[in-house]
Amino acid sequence: MGKREGVKFLHVPYKGIAPATTAVVAGETMFSVASAAQAGALIKAGKLKALSLGAAKRMAAFPDLPTSAESGFPYAVASVWLGFFAPGGTPAALVERLQRDMANVARKPEFAEKHITSRGFELVASTPAEFAAALRAEVELVGEMVRAANIQPE
């Protein structure tokens, strides 16, 4: 994003998102990127100010927080997701059954509240084909960001 927008950022490495977030709260750094699951309580407590949500749509947990697209940066999207994978060659019928059973559990209100929505995530429970398409789109987006930043493997 910095290169695309002509802005220079100084990367300050921390040993994880928790110390990086603490540094923002303490005023050691100006900003950081964090998930709603990690920073949501600090935002709600007024200890952090959320500037934008790097997502395609607004979150139910933060309905007044604009998305990066609404803020003028439609390409600045990052997602946090959890997915299930099976070995290549797993019979389609078994994949469909696993997906159906896991989606049924995830959609149970008590499970969703305890493990998903209370942590700032939104329940998707998509089909294997939809999940694969989302992964392909994310790989393309991240690849674009890597190319724009001229990041080279070491």
N, C-alpha and C. Protein backbone atom coordinates (compact mmCIF):
# COMPACT_ATOMS: atom_id res chain seq x y z
N MET A 1 0.83 -1.19 0.00
CA MET A 1 0.00 0.00 0.00
C MET A 1 0.87 1.25 0.00
N GLY A 2 1.94 1.25 0.78
CA GLY A 2 2.80 2.42 0.85
C GLY A 2 3.37 2.79 -0.50
N LYS A 3 3.87 1.81 -1.22
CA LYS A 3 4.47 2.07 -2.53
C LYS A 3 3.42 2.57 -3.51
N ARG A 4 2.29 1.93 -3.52
CA ARG A 4 1.21 2.31 -4.43
C ARG A 4 0.74 3.74 -4.16
N GLU A 5 0.69 4.13 -2.90
CA GLU A 5 0.19 5.45 -2.53
C GLU A 5 1.30 6.50 -2.39
N GLY A 6 2.56 6.08 -2.58
CA GLY A 6 3.67 7.03 -2.47
C GLY A 6 3.95 7.46 -1.04
N VAL A 7 3.70 6.56 -0.10
CA VAL A 7 3.91 6.84 1.32
C VAL A 7 4.98 5.89 1.83
N LYS A 8 5.89 6.41 2.64
CA LYS A 8 6.93 5.55 3.21
C LYS A 8 6.54 5.18 4.64
N PHE A 9 6.62 3.90 4.91
CA PHE A 9 6.36 3.39 6.25
C PHE A 9 7.66 2.82 6.79
N LEU A 10 7.88 2.96 8.05
CA LEU A 10 9.03 2.33 8.70
C LEU A 10 8.51 1.07 9.39
N HIS A 11 8.99 -0.07 8.95
CA HIS A 11 8.58 -1.33 9.55
C HIS A 11 9.30 -1.51 10.88
N VAL A 12 8.54 -1.68 11.93
CA VAL A 12 9.10 -1.91 13.26
C VAL A 12 8.72 -3.34 13.64
N PRO A 13 9.68 -4.26 13.62
CA PRO A 13 9.35 -5.66 13.90
C PRO A 13 9.08 -5.91 15.39
N TYR A 14 8.05 -6.66 15.64
CA TYR A 14 7.70 -7.12 16.98
C TYR A 14 7.55 -8.62 16.94
N LYS A 15 7.63 -9.25 18.09
CA LYS A 15 7.50 -10.71 18.17
C LYS A 15 6.03 -11.10 18.30
N GLY A 16 5.23 -10.69 17.34
CA GLY A 16 3.83 -11.07 17.33
C GLY A 16 2.92 -9.86 17.36
N ILE A 17 1.65 -10.12 17.12
CA ILE A 17 0.67 -9.04 17.05
C ILE A 17 0.36 -8.46 18.42
N ALA A 18 0.41 -9.26 19.48
CA ALA A 18 0.12 -8.72 20.82
C ALA A 18 1.12 -7.65 21.22
N PRO A 19 2.45 -7.88 21.11
CA PRO A 19 3.39 -6.81 21.44
C PRO A 19 3.27 -5.61 20.50
N ALA A 20 2.94 -5.84 19.24
CA ALA A 20 2.78 -4.74 18.30
C ALA A 20 1.58 -3.88 18.69
N THR A 21 0.49 -4.52 19.08
CA THR A 21 -0.70 -3.78 19.50
C THR A 21 -0.43 -3.02 20.79
N THR A 22 0.28 -3.64 21.71
CA THR A 22 0.65 -2.97 22.96
C THR A 22 1.48 -1.73 22.66
N ALA A 23 2.36 -1.82 21.68
CA ALA A 23 3.20 -0.67 21.30
C ALA A 23 2.36 0.49 20.79
N VAL A 24 1.29 0.20 20.07
CA VAL A 24 0.41 1.27 19.60
C VAL A 24 -0.32 1.90 20.79
N VAL A 25 -0.85 1.08 21.68
CA VAL A 25 -1.55 1.59 22.86
C VAL A 25 -0.61 2.47 23.70
N ALA A 26 0.65 2.05 23.81
CA ALA A 26 1.63 2.79 24.62
C ALA A 26 2.20 4.01 23.89
N GLY A 27 1.90 4.16 22.61
CA GLY A 27 2.42 5.30 21.86
C GLY A 27 3.81 5.09 21.31
N GLU A 28 4.32 3.87 21.33
CA GLU A 28 5.66 3.59 20.78
C GLU A 28 5.64 3.63 19.26
N THR A 29 4.52 3.21 18.67
CA THR A 29 4.36 3.23 17.22
C THR A 29 3.05 3.94 16.90
N MET A 30 2.94 4.39 15.67
CA MET A 30 1.76 5.18 15.27
C MET A 30 0.56 4.31 14.93
N PHE A 31 0.81 3.16 14.29
CA PHE A 31 -0.30 2.29 13.93
C PHE A 31 0.20 0.89 13.66
N SER A 32 -0.75 0.00 13.58
CA SER A 32 -0.46 -1.39 13.29
C SER A 32 -1.68 -1.98 12.59
N VAL A 33 -1.53 -3.17 12.13
CA VAL A 33 -2.63 -3.91 11.53
C VAL A 33 -2.94 -5.07 12.45
N ALA A 34 -4.20 -5.26 12.77
CA ALA A 34 -4.59 -6.36 13.66
C ALA A 34 -6.00 -6.80 13.30
N SER A 35 -6.32 -8.00 13.68
CA SER A 35 -7.68 -8.50 13.44
C SER A 35 -8.62 -7.99 14.52
N ALA A 36 -9.90 -8.01 14.21
CA ALA A 36 -10.90 -7.63 15.20
C ALA A 36 -10.87 -8.59 16.37
N ALA A 37 -10.54 -9.84 16.11
CA ALA A 37 -10.46 -10.82 17.19
C ALA A 37 -9.36 -10.42 18.18
N GLN A 38 -8.28 -9.86 17.67
CA GLN A 38 -7.15 -9.51 18.53
C GLN A 38 -7.34 -8.13 19.16
N ALA A 39 -7.81 -7.17 18.39
CA ALA A 39 -7.85 -5.78 18.87
C ALA A 39 -9.25 -5.30 19.24
N GLY A 40 -10.27 -6.10 18.99
CA GLY A 40 -11.64 -5.66 19.21
C GLY A 40 -11.93 -5.14 20.60
N ALA A 41 -11.47 -5.83 21.62
CA ALA A 41 -11.74 -5.38 23.00
C ALA A 41 -11.07 -4.04 23.28
N LEU A 42 -9.86 -3.84 22.76
CA LEU A 42 -9.16 -2.57 22.95
C LEU A 42 -9.85 -1.43 22.21
N ILE A 43 -10.41 -1.75 21.05
CA ILE A 43 -11.16 -0.75 20.29
C ILE A 43 -12.42 -0.36 21.06
N LYS A 44 -13.16 -1.37 21.53
CA LYS A 44 -14.40 -1.10 22.26
C LYS A 44 -14.14 -0.37 23.57
N ALA A 45 -12.96 -0.59 24.17
CA ALA A 45 -12.60 0.08 25.43
C ALA A 45 -12.04 1.49 25.18
N GLY A 46 -11.88 1.87 23.92
CA GLY A 46 -11.37 3.20 23.61
C GLY A 46 -9.86 3.33 23.71
N LYS A 47 -9.15 2.21 23.84
CA LYS A 47 -7.69 2.26 23.95
C LYS A 47 -7.01 2.27 22.59
N LEU A 48 -7.72 1.82 21.57
CA LEU A 48 -7.25 1.88 20.19
C LEU A 48 -8.35 2.51 19.35
N LYS A 49 -7.94 3.25 18.34
CA LYS A 49 -8.91 3.79 17.40
C LYS A 49 -8.77 3.03 16.09
N ALA A 50 -9.83 2.38 15.69
CA ALA A 50 -9.84 1.67 14.41
C ALA A 50 -10.02 2.69 13.30
N LEU A 51 -9.16 2.61 12.29
CA LEU A 51 -9.22 3.55 11.17
C LEU A 51 -10.01 3.01 9.99
N SER A 52 -9.83 1.72 9.73
CA SER A 52 -10.47 1.13 8.57
C SER A 52 -10.45 -0.38 8.73
N LEU A 53 -11.41 -1.01 8.10
CA LEU A 53 -11.50 -2.46 8.10
C LEU A 53 -11.06 -2.96 6.73
N GLY A 54 -10.00 -3.76 6.70
CA GLY A 54 -9.49 -4.28 5.43
C GLY A 54 -10.31 -5.45 4.95
N ALA A 55 -11.56 -5.18 4.60
CA ALA A 55 -12.46 -6.25 4.18
C ALA A 55 -13.40 -5.72 3.10
N ALA A 56 -14.06 -6.64 2.43
CA ALA A 56 -14.98 -6.27 1.36
C ALA A 56 -16.27 -5.64 1.89
N LYS A 57 -16.66 -6.01 3.11
CA LYS A 57 -17.89 -5.44 3.67
C LYS A 57 -17.69 -5.16 5.15
N ARG A 58 -18.54 -4.32 5.69
CA ARG A 58 -18.45 -3.95 7.11
C ARG A 58 -18.75 -5.16 8.00
N MET A 59 -18.20 -5.10 9.22
CA MET A 59 -18.42 -6.17 10.20
C MET A 59 -19.60 -5.84 11.09
N ALA A 60 -20.35 -6.86 11.44
CA ALA A 60 -21.47 -6.67 12.36
C ALA A 60 -20.99 -6.14 13.71
N ALA A 61 -19.81 -6.57 14.14
CA ALA A 61 -19.28 -6.15 15.44
C ALA A 61 -18.88 -4.67 15.46
N PHE A 62 -18.57 -4.11 14.28
CA PHE A 62 -18.16 -2.71 14.17
C PHE A 62 -18.89 -2.06 12.98
N PRO A 63 -20.19 -1.89 13.09
CA PRO A 63 -20.96 -1.42 11.94
C PRO A 63 -20.61 0.00 11.48
N ASP A 64 -20.03 0.82 12.33
CA ASP A 64 -19.67 2.19 11.95
C ASP A 64 -18.26 2.32 11.40
N LEU A 65 -17.51 1.22 11.38
CA LEU A 65 -16.14 1.25 10.89
C LEU A 65 -16.14 1.07 9.38
N PRO A 66 -15.64 2.07 8.63
CA PRO A 66 -15.65 1.94 7.17
C PRO A 66 -14.65 0.89 6.69
N THR A 67 -14.96 0.32 5.55
CA THR A 67 -14.03 -0.63 4.94
C THR A 67 -12.91 0.14 4.25
N SER A 68 -11.87 -0.58 3.89
CA SER A 68 -10.77 0.06 3.17
C SER A 68 -11.26 0.61 1.83
N ALA A 69 -12.18 -0.07 1.18
CA ALA A 69 -12.74 0.43 -0.08
C ALA A 69 -13.47 1.75 0.14
N GLU A 70 -14.26 1.83 1.21
CA GLU A 70 -14.97 3.07 1.52
C GLU A 70 -14.00 4.20 1.86
N SER A 71 -12.82 3.84 2.35
CA SER A 71 -11.80 4.82 2.71
C SER A 71 -10.91 5.20 1.52
N GLY A 72 -11.18 4.63 0.35
CA GLY A 72 -10.43 4.98 -0.84
C GLY A 72 -9.34 4.00 -1.23
N PHE A 73 -9.28 2.85 -0.56
CA PHE A 73 -8.24 1.87 -0.84
C PHE A 73 -8.87 0.49 -1.06
N PRO A 74 -9.54 0.27 -2.18
CA PRO A 74 -10.27 -0.98 -2.39
C PRO A 74 -9.38 -2.21 -2.47
N TYR A 75 -8.12 -2.04 -2.75
CA TYR A 75 -7.19 -3.16 -2.86
C TYR A 75 -6.60 -3.55 -1.51
N ALA A 76 -6.76 -2.73 -0.49
CA ALA A 76 -6.17 -2.99 0.83
C ALA A 76 -7.11 -3.90 1.62
N VAL A 77 -7.13 -5.15 1.24
CA VAL A 77 -8.02 -6.11 1.87
C VAL A 77 -7.17 -7.22 2.47
N ALA A 78 -7.47 -7.57 3.68
CA ALA A 78 -6.80 -8.68 4.35
C ALA A 78 -7.87 -9.49 5.05
N SER A 79 -7.69 -10.77 5.07
CA SER A 79 -8.69 -11.58 5.73
C SER A 79 -8.05 -12.55 6.70
N VAL A 80 -8.83 -12.87 7.68
CA VAL A 80 -8.46 -13.90 8.63
C VAL A 80 -9.52 -14.97 8.47
N TRP A 81 -9.11 -16.16 8.18
CA TRP A 81 -10.09 -17.21 7.96
C TRP A 81 -9.58 -18.52 8.55
N LEU A 82 -10.51 -19.37 8.80
CA LEU A 82 -10.22 -20.72 9.27
C LEU A 82 -10.86 -21.66 8.26
N GLY A 83 -10.13 -22.67 7.85
CA GLY A 83 -10.67 -23.60 6.88
C GLY A 83 -10.26 -25.02 7.18
N PHE A 84 -10.98 -25.92 6.61
CA PHE A 84 -10.66 -27.34 6.75
C PHE A 84 -10.17 -27.85 5.40
N PHE A 85 -9.16 -28.69 5.44
CA PHE A 85 -8.58 -29.25 4.23
C PHE A 85 -8.52 -30.77 4.36
N ALA A 86 -8.60 -31.43 3.23
CA ALA A 86 -8.46 -32.89 3.17
C ALA A 86 -7.38 -33.20 2.14
N PRO A 87 -6.78 -34.37 2.23
CA PRO A 87 -5.75 -34.73 1.24
C PRO A 87 -6.32 -34.74 -0.17
N GLY A 88 -5.48 -34.38 -1.15
CA GLY A 88 -5.88 -34.47 -2.54
C GLY A 88 -6.33 -35.89 -2.84
N GLY A 89 -7.33 -36.02 -3.66
CA GLY A 89 -7.83 -37.35 -4.01
C GLY A 89 -8.90 -37.87 -3.07
N THR A 90 -9.25 -37.11 -2.03
CA THR A 90 -10.33 -37.53 -1.13
C THR A 90 -11.62 -37.59 -1.95
N PRO A 91 -12.38 -38.67 -1.87
CA PRO A 91 -13.61 -38.78 -2.66
C PRO A 91 -14.55 -37.59 -2.43
N ALA A 92 -15.14 -37.10 -3.51
CA ALA A 92 -16.02 -35.93 -3.44
C ALA A 92 -17.16 -36.13 -2.46
N ALA A 93 -17.71 -37.33 -2.40
CA ALA A 93 -18.82 -37.60 -1.48
C ALA A 93 -18.39 -37.41 -0.03
N LEU A 94 -17.17 -37.83 0.29
CA LEU A 94 -16.67 -37.66 1.65
C LEU A 94 -16.41 -36.18 1.95
N VAL A 95 -15.85 -35.45 1.00
CA VAL A 95 -15.61 -34.01 1.18
C VAL A 95 -16.94 -33.30 1.43
N GLU A 96 -17.95 -33.62 0.65
CA GLU A 96 -19.27 -33.00 0.81
C GLU A 96 -19.87 -33.32 2.17
N ARG A 97 -19.71 -34.57 2.61
CA ARG A 97 -20.26 -34.94 3.92
C ARG A 97 -19.53 -34.21 5.04
N LEU A 98 -18.20 -34.16 4.97
CA LEU A 98 -17.43 -33.45 5.99
C LEU A 98 -17.82 -31.98 6.04
N GLN A 99 -17.94 -31.37 4.87
CA GLN A 99 -18.32 -29.96 4.82
C GLN A 99 -19.70 -29.75 5.42
N ARG A 100 -20.63 -30.57 5.05
CA ARG A 100 -22.00 -30.45 5.55
C ARG A 100 -22.04 -30.60 7.06
N ASP A 101 -21.35 -31.63 7.58
CA ASP A 101 -21.35 -31.87 9.03
C ASP A 101 -20.68 -30.72 9.79
N MET A 102 -19.54 -30.26 9.28
CA MET A 102 -18.85 -29.16 9.97
C MET A 102 -19.65 -27.87 9.90
N ALA A 103 -20.30 -27.60 8.75
CA ALA A 103 -21.13 -26.40 8.63
C ALA A 103 -22.32 -26.47 9.58
N ASN A 104 -22.90 -27.65 9.74
CA ASN A 104 -24.03 -27.81 10.66
C ASN A 104 -23.60 -27.50 12.09
N VAL A 105 -22.43 -27.95 12.49
CA VAL A 105 -21.92 -27.64 13.84
C VAL A 105 -21.64 -26.15 13.96
N ALA A 106 -20.96 -25.58 12.97
CA ALA A 106 -20.58 -24.17 13.03
C ALA A 106 -21.80 -23.26 13.09
N ARG A 107 -22.89 -23.67 12.47
CA ARG A 107 -24.10 -22.83 12.42
C ARG A 107 -24.94 -22.92 13.69
N LYS A 108 -24.61 -23.85 14.59
CA LYS A 108 -25.35 -23.92 15.85
C LYS A 108 -25.07 -22.63 16.63
N PRO A 109 -26.12 -21.93 17.04
CA PRO A 109 -25.92 -20.63 17.69
C PRO A 109 -24.94 -20.64 18.86
N GLU A 110 -25.03 -21.66 19.72
CA GLU A 110 -24.13 -21.68 20.88
C GLU A 110 -22.68 -21.88 20.46
N PHE A 111 -22.44 -22.70 19.44
CA PHE A 111 -21.08 -22.91 18.95
C PHE A 111 -20.57 -21.64 18.27
N ALA A 112 -21.38 -21.07 17.39
CA ALA A 112 -20.97 -19.86 16.65
C ALA A 112 -20.64 -18.73 17.61
N GLU A 113 -21.46 -18.52 18.62
CA GLU A 113 -21.21 -17.44 19.58
C GLU A 113 -19.94 -17.69 20.37
N LYS A 114 -19.74 -18.89 20.85
CA LYS A 114 -18.58 -19.20 21.68
C LYS A 114 -17.26 -19.15 20.90
N HIS A 115 -17.26 -19.65 19.69
CA HIS A 115 -16.00 -19.83 18.96
C HIS A 115 -15.78 -18.90 17.77
N ILE A 116 -16.82 -18.20 17.32
CA ILE A 116 -16.67 -17.42 16.09
C ILE A 116 -17.06 -15.96 16.30
N THR A 117 -18.33 -15.69 16.46
CA THR A 117 -18.79 -14.30 16.48
C THR A 117 -18.30 -13.52 17.69
N SER A 118 -18.14 -14.16 18.83
CA SER A 118 -17.66 -13.46 20.02
C SER A 118 -16.20 -13.03 19.88
N ARG A 119 -15.51 -13.59 18.92
CA ARG A 119 -14.10 -13.26 18.68
C ARG A 119 -13.93 -12.28 17.52
N GLY A 120 -15.04 -11.74 17.05
CA GLY A 120 -14.97 -10.76 15.99
C GLY A 120 -14.99 -11.34 14.59
N PHE A 121 -15.17 -12.64 14.47
CA PHE A 121 -15.23 -13.27 13.15
C PHE A 121 -16.68 -13.35 12.69
N GLU A 122 -16.85 -13.51 11.39
CA GLU A 122 -18.17 -13.76 10.84
C GLU A 122 -18.21 -15.17 10.31
N LEU A 123 -19.29 -15.85 10.53
CA LEU A 123 -19.45 -17.22 10.07
C LEU A 123 -19.75 -17.22 8.58
N VAL A 124 -18.98 -18.01 7.84
CA VAL A 124 -19.22 -18.13 6.40
C VAL A 124 -19.73 -19.53 6.09
N ALA A 125 -19.01 -20.58 6.46
CA ALA A 125 -19.41 -21.97 6.22
C ALA A 125 -19.78 -22.20 4.76
N SER A 126 -18.87 -21.83 3.87
CA SER A 126 -19.12 -21.95 2.44
C SER A 126 -18.89 -23.37 1.93
N THR A 127 -19.20 -23.57 0.67
CA THR A 127 -18.98 -24.86 0.04
C THR A 127 -17.49 -25.01 -0.30
N PRO A 128 -17.03 -26.23 -0.54
CA PRO A 128 -15.64 -26.41 -0.95
C PRO A 128 -15.29 -25.60 -2.20
N ALA A 129 -16.18 -25.52 -3.16
CA ALA A 129 -15.92 -24.74 -4.39
C ALA A 129 -15.80 -23.25 -4.08
N GLU A 130 -16.67 -22.74 -3.22
CA GLU A 130 -16.60 -21.32 -2.85
C GLU A 130 -15.33 -21.02 -2.08
N PHE A 131 -14.94 -21.93 -1.18
CA PHE A 131 -13.71 -21.76 -0.42
C PHE A 131 -12.50 -21.76 -1.34
N ALA A 132 -12.47 -22.68 -2.30
CA ALA A 132 -11.35 -22.74 -3.25
C ALA A 132 -11.27 -21.45 -4.07
N ALA A 133 -12.42 -20.93 -4.50
CA ALA A 133 -12.43 -19.67 -5.27
C ALA A 133 -11.93 -18.51 -4.41
N ALA A 134 -12.33 -18.47 -3.14
CA ALA A 134 -11.86 -17.41 -2.24
C ALA A 134 -10.35 -17.51 -2.03
N LEU A 135 -9.83 -18.72 -1.89
CA LEU A 135 -8.39 -18.90 -1.75
C LEU A 135 -7.64 -18.43 -2.99
N ARG A 136 -8.14 -18.78 -4.16
CA ARG A 136 -7.50 -18.33 -5.41
C ARG A 136 -7.49 -16.82 -5.50
N ALA A 137 -8.59 -16.17 -5.16
CA ALA A 137 -8.67 -14.71 -5.20
C ALA A 137 -7.69 -14.08 -4.21
N GLU A 138 -7.57 -14.68 -3.03
CA GLU A 138 -6.65 -14.13 -2.03
C GLU A 138 -5.20 -14.29 -2.46
N VAL A 139 -4.87 -15.43 -3.05
CA VAL A 139 -3.51 -15.65 -3.55
C VAL A 139 -3.18 -14.60 -4.62
N GLU A 140 -4.12 -14.31 -5.49
CA GLU A 140 -3.90 -13.30 -6.53
C GLU A 140 -3.71 -11.92 -5.92
N LEU A 141 -4.53 -11.56 -4.94
CA LEU A 141 -4.42 -10.25 -4.29
C LEU A 141 -3.09 -10.11 -3.56
N VAL A 142 -2.71 -11.13 -2.80
CA VAL A 142 -1.43 -11.07 -2.08
C VAL A 142 -0.28 -11.02 -3.07
N GLY A 143 -0.38 -11.77 -4.16
CA GLY A 143 0.65 -11.72 -5.18
C GLY A 143 0.81 -10.33 -5.76
N GLU A 144 -0.30 -9.64 -5.97
CA GLU A 144 -0.26 -8.26 -6.48
C GLU A 144 0.45 -7.34 -5.49
N MET A 145 0.14 -7.51 -4.20
CA MET A 145 0.78 -6.68 -3.18
C MET A 145 2.28 -6.96 -3.09
N VAL A 146 2.66 -8.23 -3.20
CA VAL A 146 4.07 -8.60 -3.16
C VAL A 146 4.81 -8.00 -4.36
N ARG A 147 4.20 -8.08 -5.54
CA ARG A 147 4.83 -7.50 -6.73
C ARG A 147 4.92 -5.99 -6.61
N ALA A 148 3.87 -5.32 -6.11
CA ALA A 148 3.88 -3.87 -5.97
C ALA A 148 4.96 -3.41 -5.00
N ALA A 149 5.19 -4.20 -3.97
CA ALA A 149 6.22 -3.85 -2.97
C ALA A 149 7.61 -4.33 -3.38
N ASN A 150 7.69 -5.00 -4.53
CA ASN A 150 8.96 -5.53 -5.04
C ASN A 150 9.65 -6.42 -4.00
N ILE A 151 8.88 -7.26 -3.35
CA ILE A 151 9.43 -8.18 -2.34
C ILE A 151 10.06 -9.35 -3.05
N GLN A 152 11.27 -9.68 -2.67
CA GLN A 152 11.99 -10.78 -3.28
C GLN A 152 12.21 -11.86 -2.23
N PRO A 153 12.10 -13.11 -2.61
CA PRO A 153 12.39 -14.20 -1.65
C PRO A 153 13.86 -14.21 -1.27
N GLU A 154 14.12 -14.56 -0.05
CA GLU A 154 15.52 -14.61 0.43
C GLU A 154 15.95 -16.05 0.62
